[in-house]
Amino acid sequence: MLLIAIGAILRYATSFDVSGVDIDTVGLILMIVGIVAFVIALVYEIAYLGERSRYARYWGRDRYAAGRYDAPPGPEDPTRRY
């Protein structure tokens, strides 16, 4: 987001000239790089959230089925506290 903001400022809100550098083009490049980076981060975040939700959905069944933990107490268990 910072790159997008800096690029927009350079592209649309500046009027100074630097010899050998086109400030408008630099601003446009920064905005494009910022948008691409934002989209990549968004894709990674969505992929991580999808992976985490699938893991959480089946987590209890997998760990008890593997025999690593005792099964949680059922409703017929007299030691269960409410």
N, C-alpha and C. Protein backbone atom coordinates (compact mmCIF):
# COMPACT_ATOMS: atom_id res chain seq x y z
N MET A 1 0.82 -1.18 0.00
CA MET A 1 0.00 0.00 0.00
C MET A 1 0.88 1.25 0.00
N LEU A 2 2.01 1.15 0.65
CA LEU A 2 2.91 2.30 0.70
C LEU A 2 3.45 2.63 -0.69
N LEU A 3 3.81 1.59 -1.45
CA LEU A 3 4.30 1.83 -2.80
C LEU A 3 3.22 2.45 -3.69
N ILE A 4 2.00 2.02 -3.53
CA ILE A 4 0.90 2.58 -4.32
C ILE A 4 0.71 4.06 -3.97
N ALA A 5 0.74 4.37 -2.68
CA ALA A 5 0.56 5.76 -2.26
C ALA A 5 1.70 6.65 -2.74
N ILE A 6 2.93 6.21 -2.59
CA ILE A 6 4.07 7.01 -3.05
C ILE A 6 4.04 7.17 -4.56
N GLY A 7 3.70 6.10 -5.27
CA GLY A 7 3.60 6.18 -6.72
C GLY A 7 2.53 7.14 -7.17
N ALA A 8 1.38 7.13 -6.51
CA ALA A 8 0.31 8.05 -6.87
C ALA A 8 0.71 9.50 -6.60
N ILE A 9 1.40 9.72 -5.50
CA ILE A 9 1.86 11.09 -5.21
C ILE A 9 2.84 11.55 -6.27
N LEU A 10 3.80 10.69 -6.63
CA LEU A 10 4.76 11.08 -7.65
C LEU A 10 4.10 11.27 -9.02
N ARG A 11 3.12 10.46 -9.32
CA ARG A 11 2.48 10.52 -10.64
C ARG A 11 1.55 11.72 -10.78
N TYR A 12 0.74 11.98 -9.75
CA TYR A 12 -0.33 12.96 -9.91
C TYR A 12 -0.16 14.25 -9.12
N ALA A 13 0.68 14.28 -8.10
CA ALA A 13 0.72 15.45 -7.23
C ALA A 13 2.03 16.21 -7.25
N THR A 14 2.92 15.87 -8.12
CA THR A 14 4.19 16.59 -8.18
C THR A 14 4.31 17.32 -9.50
N SER A 15 5.05 18.41 -9.44
CA SER A 15 5.26 19.18 -10.68
C SER A 15 6.72 19.55 -10.87
N PHE A 16 7.62 18.96 -10.07
CA PHE A 16 9.03 19.31 -10.22
C PHE A 16 9.70 18.39 -11.25
N ASP A 17 10.82 18.84 -11.77
CA ASP A 17 11.56 18.09 -12.79
C ASP A 17 12.93 17.72 -12.25
N VAL A 18 13.33 16.49 -12.55
CA VAL A 18 14.66 16.01 -12.23
C VAL A 18 15.32 15.66 -13.55
N SER A 19 16.52 16.15 -13.78
CA SER A 19 17.16 15.90 -15.06
C SER A 19 17.49 14.42 -15.23
N GLY A 20 17.06 13.84 -16.32
CA GLY A 20 17.34 12.45 -16.63
C GLY A 20 16.34 11.46 -16.07
N VAL A 21 15.36 11.92 -15.27
CA VAL A 21 14.38 11.02 -14.67
C VAL A 21 12.98 11.59 -14.91
N ASP A 22 12.10 10.77 -15.43
CA ASP A 22 10.71 11.18 -15.60
C ASP A 22 9.94 10.75 -14.36
N ILE A 23 9.57 11.72 -13.53
CA ILE A 23 8.92 11.45 -12.25
C ILE A 23 7.57 10.76 -12.46
N ASP A 24 6.84 11.12 -13.50
CA ASP A 24 5.55 10.49 -13.77
C ASP A 24 5.72 8.99 -14.04
N THR A 25 6.75 8.63 -14.79
CA THR A 25 7.00 7.22 -15.09
C THR A 25 7.42 6.46 -13.83
N VAL A 26 8.24 7.06 -13.01
CA VAL A 26 8.66 6.43 -11.75
C VAL A 26 7.43 6.20 -10.86
N GLY A 27 6.54 7.16 -10.80
CA GLY A 27 5.32 7.00 -10.02
C GLY A 27 4.45 5.88 -10.55
N LEU A 28 4.32 5.80 -11.87
CA LEU A 28 3.53 4.72 -12.48
C LEU A 28 4.14 3.35 -12.18
N ILE A 29 5.44 3.25 -12.29
CA ILE A 29 6.12 1.98 -12.00
C ILE A 29 5.92 1.58 -10.54
N LEU A 30 6.03 2.53 -9.62
CA LEU A 30 5.82 2.22 -8.20
C LEU A 30 4.38 1.78 -7.94
N MET A 31 3.42 2.40 -8.60
CA MET A 31 2.03 1.98 -8.42
C MET A 31 1.81 0.57 -8.94
N ILE A 32 2.36 0.25 -10.09
CA ILE A 32 2.20 -1.10 -10.66
C ILE A 32 2.85 -2.14 -9.76
N VAL A 33 4.06 -1.86 -9.29
CA VAL A 33 4.75 -2.80 -8.40
C VAL A 33 3.96 -2.97 -7.10
N GLY A 34 3.41 -1.91 -6.56
CA GLY A 34 2.61 -2.00 -5.34
C GLY A 34 1.36 -2.82 -5.53
N ILE A 35 0.69 -2.65 -6.68
CA ILE A 35 -0.53 -3.43 -6.95
C ILE A 35 -0.20 -4.90 -7.12
N VAL A 36 0.87 -5.20 -7.84
CA VAL A 36 1.28 -6.60 -8.03
C VAL A 36 1.65 -7.25 -6.70
N ALA A 37 2.38 -6.54 -5.86
CA ALA A 37 2.75 -7.07 -4.55
C ALA A 37 1.52 -7.29 -3.68
N PHE A 38 0.57 -6.37 -3.74
CA PHE A 38 -0.66 -6.52 -2.97
C PHE A 38 -1.46 -7.74 -3.41
N VAL A 39 -1.55 -7.96 -4.72
CA VAL A 39 -2.29 -9.11 -5.24
C VAL A 39 -1.60 -10.42 -4.84
N ILE A 40 -0.28 -10.46 -4.92
CA ILE A 40 0.45 -11.67 -4.52
C ILE A 40 0.24 -11.96 -3.03
N ALA A 41 0.32 -10.92 -2.20
CA ALA A 41 0.10 -11.12 -0.76
C ALA A 41 -1.33 -11.58 -0.49
N LEU A 42 -2.28 -11.05 -1.22
CA LEU A 42 -3.67 -11.45 -1.04
C LEU A 42 -3.88 -12.91 -1.43
N VAL A 43 -3.26 -13.35 -2.51
CA VAL A 43 -3.38 -14.75 -2.95
C VAL A 43 -2.77 -15.67 -1.90
N TYR A 44 -1.59 -15.32 -1.37
CA TYR A 44 -0.98 -16.14 -0.33
C TYR A 44 -1.85 -16.20 0.92
N GLU A 45 -2.44 -15.08 1.30
CA GLU A 45 -3.28 -15.05 2.49
C GLU A 45 -4.53 -15.90 2.30
N ILE A 46 -5.14 -15.81 1.14
CA ILE A 46 -6.33 -16.63 0.87
C ILE A 46 -5.97 -18.11 0.86
N ALA A 47 -4.83 -18.45 0.28
CA ALA A 47 -4.40 -19.85 0.26
C ALA A 47 -4.13 -20.35 1.68
N TYR A 48 -3.54 -19.52 2.52
CA TYR A 48 -3.27 -19.91 3.90
C TYR A 48 -4.57 -20.08 4.68
N LEU A 49 -5.52 -19.18 4.50
CA LEU A 49 -6.78 -19.29 5.22
C LEU A 49 -7.54 -20.54 4.79
N GLY A 50 -7.52 -20.86 3.52
CA GLY A 50 -8.18 -22.07 3.06
C GLY A 50 -7.54 -23.31 3.62
N GLU A 51 -6.23 -23.33 3.70
CA GLU A 51 -5.51 -24.47 4.25
C GLU A 51 -5.79 -24.62 5.74
N ARG A 52 -5.84 -23.51 6.44
CA ARG A 52 -6.09 -23.54 7.87
C ARG A 52 -7.52 -24.00 8.18
N SER A 53 -8.48 -23.57 7.38
CA SER A 53 -9.85 -23.98 7.65
C SER A 53 -10.06 -25.46 7.36
N ARG A 54 -9.40 -25.99 6.33
CA ARG A 54 -9.49 -27.43 6.07
C ARG A 54 -8.84 -28.20 7.20
N TYR A 55 -7.73 -27.70 7.72
CA TYR A 55 -7.03 -28.38 8.81
C TYR A 55 -7.88 -28.37 10.07
N ALA A 56 -8.48 -27.24 10.38
CA ALA A 56 -9.27 -27.15 11.60
C ALA A 56 -10.52 -28.01 11.52
N ARG A 57 -11.07 -28.19 10.34
CA ARG A 57 -12.29 -28.97 10.19
C ARG A 57 -12.05 -30.44 10.53
N TYR A 58 -10.90 -30.99 10.16
CA TYR A 58 -10.63 -32.41 10.35
C TYR A 58 -9.59 -32.67 11.43
N TRP A 59 -9.16 -31.67 12.14
CA TRP A 59 -8.05 -31.83 13.07
C TRP A 59 -8.39 -32.80 14.19
N GLY A 60 -9.54 -32.64 14.80
CA GLY A 60 -9.91 -33.52 15.91
C GLY A 60 -10.03 -34.97 15.49
N ARG A 61 -10.62 -35.21 14.33
CA ARG A 61 -10.81 -36.59 13.87
C ARG A 61 -9.45 -37.24 13.58
N ASP A 62 -8.54 -36.52 12.98
CA ASP A 62 -7.24 -37.10 12.62
C ASP A 62 -6.40 -37.44 13.85
N ARG A 63 -6.37 -36.56 14.82
CA ARG A 63 -5.48 -36.84 15.95
C ARG A 63 -6.01 -37.96 16.83
N TYR A 64 -7.32 -38.12 16.93
CA TYR A 64 -7.85 -39.23 17.72
C TYR A 64 -7.79 -40.54 16.95
N ALA A 65 -7.95 -40.47 15.62
CA ALA A 65 -7.90 -41.68 14.81
C ALA A 65 -6.49 -42.26 14.77
N ALA A 66 -5.48 -41.41 14.88
CA ALA A 66 -4.11 -41.88 14.83
C ALA A 66 -3.69 -42.56 16.13
N GLY A 67 -4.50 -42.45 17.18
CA GLY A 67 -4.18 -43.11 18.43
C GLY A 67 -3.20 -42.37 19.30
N ARG A 68 -2.91 -41.12 18.98
CA ARG A 68 -1.96 -40.36 19.77
C ARG A 68 -2.58 -39.80 21.04
N TYR A 69 -3.87 -39.63 21.04
CA TYR A 69 -4.56 -39.05 22.20
C TYR A 69 -5.74 -39.94 22.57
N ASP A 70 -6.16 -39.83 23.82
CA ASP A 70 -7.38 -40.51 24.23
C ASP A 70 -8.57 -39.77 23.64
N ALA A 71 -9.58 -40.51 23.32
CA ALA A 71 -10.79 -39.90 22.76
C ALA A 71 -11.45 -39.03 23.83
N PRO A 72 -12.09 -37.96 23.43
CA PRO A 72 -12.77 -37.11 24.42
C PRO A 72 -13.92 -37.87 25.06
N PRO A 73 -14.28 -37.51 26.28
CA PRO A 73 -15.36 -38.23 26.96
C PRO A 73 -16.68 -38.05 26.23
N GLY A 74 -17.41 -39.13 26.12
CA GLY A 74 -18.71 -39.10 25.47
C GLY A 74 -19.81 -38.76 26.45
N PRO A 75 -21.04 -38.67 26.00
CA PRO A 75 -22.14 -38.31 26.89
C PRO A 75 -22.44 -39.41 27.92
N GLU A 76 -22.04 -40.64 27.65
CA GLU A 76 -22.31 -41.71 28.60
C GLU A 76 -21.23 -41.83 29.66
N ASP A 77 -20.17 -41.05 29.58
CA ASP A 77 -19.07 -41.11 30.53
C ASP A 77 -19.49 -40.44 31.84
N PRO A 78 -19.48 -41.17 32.97
CA PRO A 78 -19.94 -40.57 34.24
C PRO A 78 -18.99 -39.54 34.82
N THR A 79 -17.74 -39.50 34.34
CA THR A 79 -16.79 -38.52 34.89
C THR A 79 -16.86 -37.18 34.17
N ARG A 80 -17.70 -37.08 33.20
CA ARG A 80 -17.79 -35.83 32.44
C ARG A 80 -18.46 -34.75 33.31
N ARG A 81 -17.87 -33.58 33.30
CA ARG A 81 -18.40 -32.46 34.07
C ARG A 81 -19.13 -31.50 33.14
N TYR A 82 -20.20 -30.93 33.65
CA TYR A 82 -20.96 -29.97 32.85
C TYR A 82 -20.81 -28.59 33.40
